[in-house]
């Protein structure tokens, strides 16, 4: 395992997930995003490229395995969704959501450290 590549992939997945959150939820929350909805649609191309590169890097970091990188992408999406939904929408984190986040973090820990 190449932890440097895995961390780089995690960063790229996290940035991509942040852009996706804004792209999908922005038109619901902000008038400017509704006005420029097609610009957000156009952002899908660079966002897709970002995810493609993150996937390529994660597969290299996990020595050719696909599943661990998929879990990293999934968990980064859950974490970004939680943070952004709380920050921009004000939705609190219930005990159920908190436990789910802890389980999601556990998935990453298992993928990184279980040999």
N, C-alpha and C. Protein backbone atom coordinates (compact mmCIF):
# COMPACT_ATOMS: atom_id res chain seq x y z
N UNK A 1 0.83 -1.18 0.00
CA UNK A 1 0.00 0.00 0.00
C UNK A 1 0.88 1.24 0.00
N UNK A 2 0.47 2.21 -0.80
CA UNK A 2 1.20 3.48 -0.87
C UNK A 2 0.32 4.55 -0.22
N UNK A 3 0.63 4.86 1.03
CA UNK A 3 -0.22 5.79 1.79
C UNK A 3 -0.22 7.19 1.20
N UNK A 4 0.87 7.59 0.58
CA UNK A 4 0.92 8.91 -0.05
C UNK A 4 -0.14 9.00 -1.16
N UNK A 5 -0.22 7.98 -1.98
CA UNK A 5 -1.23 7.97 -3.06
C UNK A 5 -2.64 7.88 -2.49
N UNK A 6 -2.82 7.11 -1.44
CA UNK A 6 -4.14 6.96 -0.84
C UNK A 6 -4.61 8.30 -0.25
N UNK A 7 -3.71 9.00 0.41
CA UNK A 7 -4.07 10.31 0.98
C UNK A 7 -4.38 11.31 -0.14
N UNK A 8 -3.59 11.28 -1.21
CA UNK A 8 -3.86 12.16 -2.35
C UNK A 8 -5.24 11.83 -2.95
N UNK A 9 -5.54 10.56 -3.11
CA UNK A 9 -6.86 10.16 -3.63
C UNK A 9 -7.97 10.63 -2.70
N UNK A 10 -7.77 10.48 -1.39
CA UNK A 10 -8.77 10.94 -0.42
C UNK A 10 -9.01 12.44 -0.54
N UNK A 11 -7.95 13.20 -0.70
CA UNK A 11 -8.09 14.66 -0.87
C UNK A 11 -8.88 14.97 -2.15
N UNK A 12 -8.53 14.31 -3.25
CA UNK A 12 -9.24 14.56 -4.51
C UNK A 12 -10.70 14.15 -4.42
N UNK A 13 -10.98 13.00 -3.82
CA UNK A 13 -12.37 12.58 -3.62
C UNK A 13 -13.13 13.59 -2.78
N UNK A 14 -12.50 14.09 -1.73
CA UNK A 14 -13.16 15.04 -0.83
C UNK A 14 -13.47 16.35 -1.56
N UNK A 15 -12.52 16.86 -2.33
CA UNK A 15 -12.75 18.08 -3.11
C UNK A 15 -13.87 17.85 -4.12
N UNK A 16 -13.83 16.70 -4.79
CA UNK A 16 -14.88 16.37 -5.75
C UNK A 16 -16.25 16.29 -5.09
N UNK A 17 -16.31 15.68 -3.93
CA UNK A 17 -17.58 15.57 -3.21
C UNK A 17 -18.11 16.95 -2.79
N UNK A 18 -17.19 17.84 -2.43
CA UNK A 18 -17.60 19.21 -2.06
C UNK A 18 -18.22 19.92 -3.26
N UNK A 19 -17.58 19.79 -4.42
CA UNK A 19 -18.13 20.40 -5.63
C UNK A 19 -19.48 19.80 -6.00
N UNK A 20 -19.61 18.50 -5.85
CA UNK A 20 -20.88 17.84 -6.16
C UNK A 20 -21.98 18.32 -5.23
N UNK A 21 -21.66 18.49 -3.94
CA UNK A 21 -22.68 18.98 -3.00
C UNK A 21 -23.19 20.35 -3.45
N UNK A 22 -22.28 21.24 -3.80
CA UNK A 22 -22.67 22.57 -4.25
C UNK A 22 -23.45 22.48 -5.56
N UNK A 23 -22.99 21.64 -6.45
CA UNK A 23 -23.67 21.48 -7.75
C UNK A 23 -25.10 20.98 -7.58
N UNK A 24 -25.31 20.02 -6.70
CA UNK A 24 -26.64 19.43 -6.54
C UNK A 24 -27.56 20.22 -5.62
N UNK A 25 -27.02 20.78 -4.56
CA UNK A 25 -27.85 21.46 -3.56
C UNK A 25 -27.86 22.97 -3.69
N UNK A 26 -26.87 23.52 -4.39
CA UNK A 26 -26.79 24.96 -4.56
C UNK A 26 -28.06 25.59 -5.14
N UNK A 27 -28.63 25.04 -6.21
CA UNK A 27 -29.84 25.66 -6.77
C UNK A 27 -31.03 25.66 -5.82
N UNK A 28 -31.02 24.80 -4.84
CA UNK A 28 -32.10 24.78 -3.84
C UNK A 28 -31.88 25.85 -2.79
N UNK A 29 -30.61 26.15 -2.50
CA UNK A 29 -30.28 27.06 -1.40
C UNK A 29 -30.02 28.50 -1.81
N UNK A 30 -29.41 28.72 -2.96
CA UNK A 30 -28.93 30.04 -3.29
C UNK A 30 -29.50 30.53 -4.61
N UNK A 31 -30.00 31.77 -4.65
CA UNK A 31 -30.54 32.31 -5.91
C UNK A 31 -29.51 32.37 -7.03
N UNK A 32 -28.26 32.70 -6.72
CA UNK A 32 -27.24 32.77 -7.77
C UNK A 32 -27.06 31.41 -8.44
N UNK A 33 -27.17 30.33 -7.66
CA UNK A 33 -26.98 29.00 -8.23
C UNK A 33 -28.17 28.62 -9.12
N UNK A 34 -29.34 29.11 -8.77
CA UNK A 34 -30.51 28.87 -9.62
C UNK A 34 -30.37 29.63 -10.93
N UNK A 35 -29.88 30.85 -10.83
CA UNK A 35 -29.70 31.69 -12.02
C UNK A 35 -28.65 31.10 -12.97
N UNK A 36 -27.60 30.51 -12.43
CA UNK A 36 -26.51 29.96 -13.23
C UNK A 36 -26.50 28.42 -13.20
N UNK A 37 -27.67 27.85 -13.23
CA UNK A 37 -27.80 26.39 -13.15
C UNK A 37 -27.02 25.68 -14.25
N UNK A 38 -27.04 26.22 -15.47
CA UNK A 38 -26.34 25.57 -16.57
C UNK A 38 -24.83 25.67 -16.42
N UNK A 39 -24.35 26.69 -15.74
CA UNK A 39 -22.91 26.75 -15.43
C UNK A 39 -22.54 25.62 -14.48
N UNK A 40 -23.43 25.35 -13.52
CA UNK A 40 -23.19 24.23 -12.61
C UNK A 40 -23.21 22.90 -13.36
N UNK A 41 -24.10 22.79 -14.33
CA UNK A 41 -24.13 21.58 -15.16
C UNK A 41 -22.80 21.42 -15.89
N UNK A 42 -22.27 22.50 -16.43
CA UNK A 42 -21.00 22.47 -17.13
C UNK A 42 -19.83 22.08 -16.24
N UNK A 43 -19.97 22.35 -14.96
CA UNK A 43 -18.92 21.96 -14.01
C UNK A 43 -18.83 20.44 -13.86
N UNK A 44 -19.82 19.74 -14.36
CA UNK A 44 -19.80 18.28 -14.27
C UNK A 44 -18.62 17.65 -14.98
N UNK A 45 -18.14 18.28 -16.05
CA UNK A 45 -17.02 17.71 -16.79
C UNK A 45 -15.72 17.73 -15.97
N UNK A 46 -15.32 18.88 -15.42
CA UNK A 46 -14.10 18.83 -14.60
C UNK A 46 -14.28 18.02 -13.31
N UNK A 47 -15.49 18.00 -12.76
CA UNK A 47 -15.73 17.19 -11.56
C UNK A 47 -15.55 15.71 -11.89
N UNK A 48 -16.08 15.29 -13.04
CA UNK A 48 -15.91 13.90 -13.45
C UNK A 48 -14.44 13.56 -13.63
N UNK A 49 -13.69 14.45 -14.25
CA UNK A 49 -12.25 14.22 -14.44
C UNK A 49 -11.56 14.07 -13.08
N UNK A 50 -11.94 14.92 -12.11
CA UNK A 50 -11.36 14.85 -10.77
C UNK A 50 -11.61 13.48 -10.15
N UNK A 51 -12.83 12.98 -10.28
CA UNK A 51 -13.15 11.66 -9.73
C UNK A 51 -12.41 10.54 -10.49
N UNK A 52 -12.25 10.69 -11.79
CA UNK A 52 -11.51 9.68 -12.56
C UNK A 52 -10.06 9.60 -12.10
N UNK A 53 -9.44 10.76 -11.89
CA UNK A 53 -8.06 10.78 -11.43
C UNK A 53 -7.95 10.24 -10.00
N UNK A 54 -8.88 10.62 -9.15
CA UNK A 54 -8.86 10.11 -7.78
C UNK A 54 -9.00 8.59 -7.77
N UNK A 55 -9.85 8.06 -8.64
CA UNK A 55 -10.02 6.61 -8.74
C UNK A 55 -8.74 5.94 -9.21
N UNK A 56 -8.13 6.50 -10.24
CA UNK A 56 -6.88 5.95 -10.77
C UNK A 56 -5.80 5.94 -9.69
N UNK A 57 -5.69 7.03 -8.96
CA UNK A 57 -4.66 7.15 -7.92
C UNK A 57 -4.96 6.19 -6.77
N UNK A 58 -6.23 6.07 -6.39
CA UNK A 58 -6.56 5.17 -5.28
C UNK A 58 -6.28 3.71 -5.65
N UNK A 59 -6.55 3.33 -6.90
CA UNK A 59 -6.25 1.96 -7.33
C UNK A 59 -4.75 1.72 -7.28
N UNK A 60 -3.98 2.70 -7.70
CA UNK A 60 -2.52 2.57 -7.61
C UNK A 60 -2.08 2.48 -6.14
N UNK A 61 -2.69 3.29 -5.29
CA UNK A 61 -2.33 3.29 -3.87
C UNK A 61 -2.68 2.00 -3.16
N UNK A 62 -3.78 1.36 -3.59
CA UNK A 62 -4.20 0.10 -2.99
C UNK A 62 -3.71 -1.11 -3.81
N UNK A 63 -2.64 -0.91 -4.57
CA UNK A 63 -1.96 -1.97 -5.31
C UNK A 63 -2.88 -2.74 -6.25
N UNK A 64 -3.69 -1.99 -7.01
CA UNK A 64 -4.54 -2.59 -8.03
C UNK A 64 -5.93 -2.98 -7.59
N UNK A 65 -6.25 -2.84 -6.33
CA UNK A 65 -7.57 -3.21 -5.82
C UNK A 65 -8.56 -2.07 -6.04
N UNK A 66 -9.77 -2.42 -6.48
CA UNK A 66 -10.80 -1.41 -6.74
C UNK A 66 -11.64 -1.10 -5.50
N UNK A 67 -12.02 -2.11 -4.73
CA UNK A 67 -12.95 -1.90 -3.62
C UNK A 67 -12.49 -0.91 -2.56
N UNK A 68 -11.27 -0.96 -2.09
CA UNK A 68 -10.89 -0.01 -1.04
C UNK A 68 -11.07 1.46 -1.46
N UNK A 69 -10.71 1.77 -2.71
CA UNK A 69 -10.87 3.15 -3.18
C UNK A 69 -12.33 3.55 -3.25
N UNK A 70 -13.19 2.59 -3.58
CA UNK A 70 -14.63 2.89 -3.63
C UNK A 70 -15.15 3.26 -2.25
N UNK A 71 -14.68 2.53 -1.23
CA UNK A 71 -15.09 2.84 0.13
C UNK A 71 -14.58 4.22 0.55
N UNK A 72 -13.36 4.54 0.18
CA UNK A 72 -12.80 5.86 0.50
C UNK A 72 -13.64 6.96 -0.15
N UNK A 73 -14.02 6.77 -1.41
CA UNK A 73 -14.85 7.76 -2.10
C UNK A 73 -16.21 7.89 -1.43
N UNK A 74 -16.81 6.77 -1.06
CA UNK A 74 -18.12 6.79 -0.42
C UNK A 74 -18.08 7.53 0.92
N UNK A 75 -17.11 7.17 1.72
CA UNK A 75 -17.02 7.78 3.05
C UNK A 75 -16.69 9.27 2.96
N UNK A 76 -15.84 9.66 2.02
CA UNK A 76 -15.55 11.09 1.88
C UNK A 76 -16.82 11.84 1.49
N UNK A 77 -17.67 11.22 0.68
CA UNK A 77 -18.94 11.85 0.32
C UNK A 77 -19.87 12.01 1.51
N UNK A 78 -19.93 11.00 2.36
CA UNK A 78 -20.78 11.07 3.55
C UNK A 78 -20.28 12.17 4.49
N UNK A 79 -18.99 12.25 4.66
CA UNK A 79 -18.43 13.25 5.58
C UNK A 79 -18.66 14.66 5.03
N UNK A 80 -18.40 14.87 3.75
CA UNK A 80 -18.64 16.20 3.16
C UNK A 80 -20.11 16.55 3.23
N UNK A 81 -20.98 15.59 2.93
CA UNK A 81 -22.41 15.87 3.00
C UNK A 81 -22.81 16.31 4.40
N UNK A 82 -22.29 15.64 5.40
CA UNK A 82 -22.61 15.98 6.79
C UNK A 82 -22.14 17.39 7.14
N UNK A 83 -20.90 17.69 6.81
CA UNK A 83 -20.33 19.00 7.15
C UNK A 83 -21.05 20.11 6.40
N UNK A 84 -21.22 19.95 5.09
CA UNK A 84 -21.83 21.01 4.29
C UNK A 84 -23.31 21.19 4.62
N UNK A 85 -24.01 20.11 4.89
CA UNK A 85 -25.43 20.23 5.22
C UNK A 85 -25.60 20.94 6.56
N UNK A 86 -24.72 20.67 7.49
CA UNK A 86 -24.78 21.37 8.76
C UNK A 86 -24.41 22.85 8.58
N UNK A 87 -23.33 23.11 7.86
CA UNK A 87 -22.84 24.48 7.72
C UNK A 87 -23.78 25.36 6.89
N UNK A 88 -24.21 24.86 5.74
CA UNK A 88 -25.01 25.68 4.82
C UNK A 88 -26.51 25.61 5.08
N UNK A 89 -26.98 24.51 5.62
CA UNK A 89 -28.42 24.33 5.81
C UNK A 89 -28.82 24.40 7.28
N UNK A 90 -27.86 24.17 8.17
CA UNK A 90 -28.17 24.23 9.59
C UNK A 90 -28.80 22.95 10.14
N UNK A 91 -28.78 21.87 9.37
CA UNK A 91 -29.33 20.61 9.85
C UNK A 91 -28.35 20.00 10.83
N UNK A 92 -28.83 19.75 12.03
CA UNK A 92 -27.99 19.19 13.07
C UNK A 92 -27.68 17.72 12.83
N UNK A 93 -26.83 17.21 13.67
CA UNK A 93 -26.44 15.82 13.57
C UNK A 93 -27.09 15.07 14.72
N UNK A 94 -27.97 14.14 14.37
CA UNK A 94 -28.64 13.33 15.39
C UNK A 94 -27.71 12.22 15.86
N UNK A 95 -28.10 11.53 16.90
CA UNK A 95 -27.32 10.40 17.39
C UNK A 95 -27.19 9.35 16.29
N UNK A 96 -28.27 9.10 15.56
CA UNK A 96 -28.25 8.12 14.48
C UNK A 96 -27.23 8.52 13.41
N UNK A 97 -27.23 9.80 13.03
CA UNK A 97 -26.27 10.27 12.03
C UNK A 97 -24.85 10.21 12.56
N UNK A 98 -24.65 10.57 13.81
CA UNK A 98 -23.32 10.52 14.41
C UNK A 98 -22.78 9.09 14.41
N UNK A 99 -23.61 8.14 14.79
CA UNK A 99 -23.17 6.74 14.78
C UNK A 99 -22.86 6.28 13.36
N UNK A 100 -23.65 6.72 12.40
CA UNK A 100 -23.38 6.37 11.00
C UNK A 100 -22.05 6.94 10.55
N UNK A 101 -21.75 8.17 10.96
CA UNK A 101 -20.46 8.77 10.61
C UNK A 101 -19.29 8.02 11.25
N UNK A 102 -19.48 7.60 12.47
CA UNK A 102 -18.43 6.81 13.12
C UNK A 102 -18.21 5.48 12.40
N UNK A 103 -19.30 4.86 11.98
CA UNK A 103 -19.18 3.62 11.21
C UNK A 103 -18.48 3.88 9.87
N UNK A 104 -18.82 5.00 9.22
CA UNK A 104 -18.17 5.34 7.96
C UNK A 104 -16.67 5.55 8.17
N UNK A 105 -16.30 6.20 9.26
CA UNK A 105 -14.89 6.39 9.57
C UNK A 105 -14.21 5.05 9.82
N UNK A 106 -14.93 4.15 10.45
CA UNK A 106 -14.41 2.81 10.68
C UNK A 106 -14.11 2.08 9.39
N UNK A 107 -14.91 2.31 8.36
CA UNK A 107 -14.68 1.70 7.05
C UNK A 107 -13.32 2.14 6.51
N UNK A 108 -13.04 3.41 6.60
CA UNK A 108 -11.74 3.90 6.09
C UNK A 108 -10.60 3.32 6.91
N UNK A 109 -10.75 3.27 8.21
CA UNK A 109 -9.70 2.72 9.06
C UNK A 109 -9.43 1.25 8.72
N UNK A 110 -10.51 0.48 8.52
CA UNK A 110 -10.35 -0.93 8.14
C UNK A 110 -9.61 -1.05 6.82
N UNK A 111 -10.00 -0.23 5.82
CA UNK A 111 -9.37 -0.31 4.51
C UNK A 111 -7.90 0.08 4.56
N UNK A 112 -7.57 1.02 5.41
CA UNK A 112 -6.18 1.49 5.46
C UNK A 112 -5.26 0.59 6.25
N UNK A 113 -5.77 0.01 7.35
CA UNK A 113 -4.86 -0.65 8.28
C UNK A 113 -5.04 -2.16 8.41
N UNK A 114 -6.10 -2.74 7.88
CA UNK A 114 -6.28 -4.18 7.97
C UNK A 114 -5.52 -4.84 6.83
N UNK A 115 -4.58 -5.67 7.17
CA UNK A 115 -3.75 -6.34 6.15
C UNK A 115 -4.36 -7.66 5.77
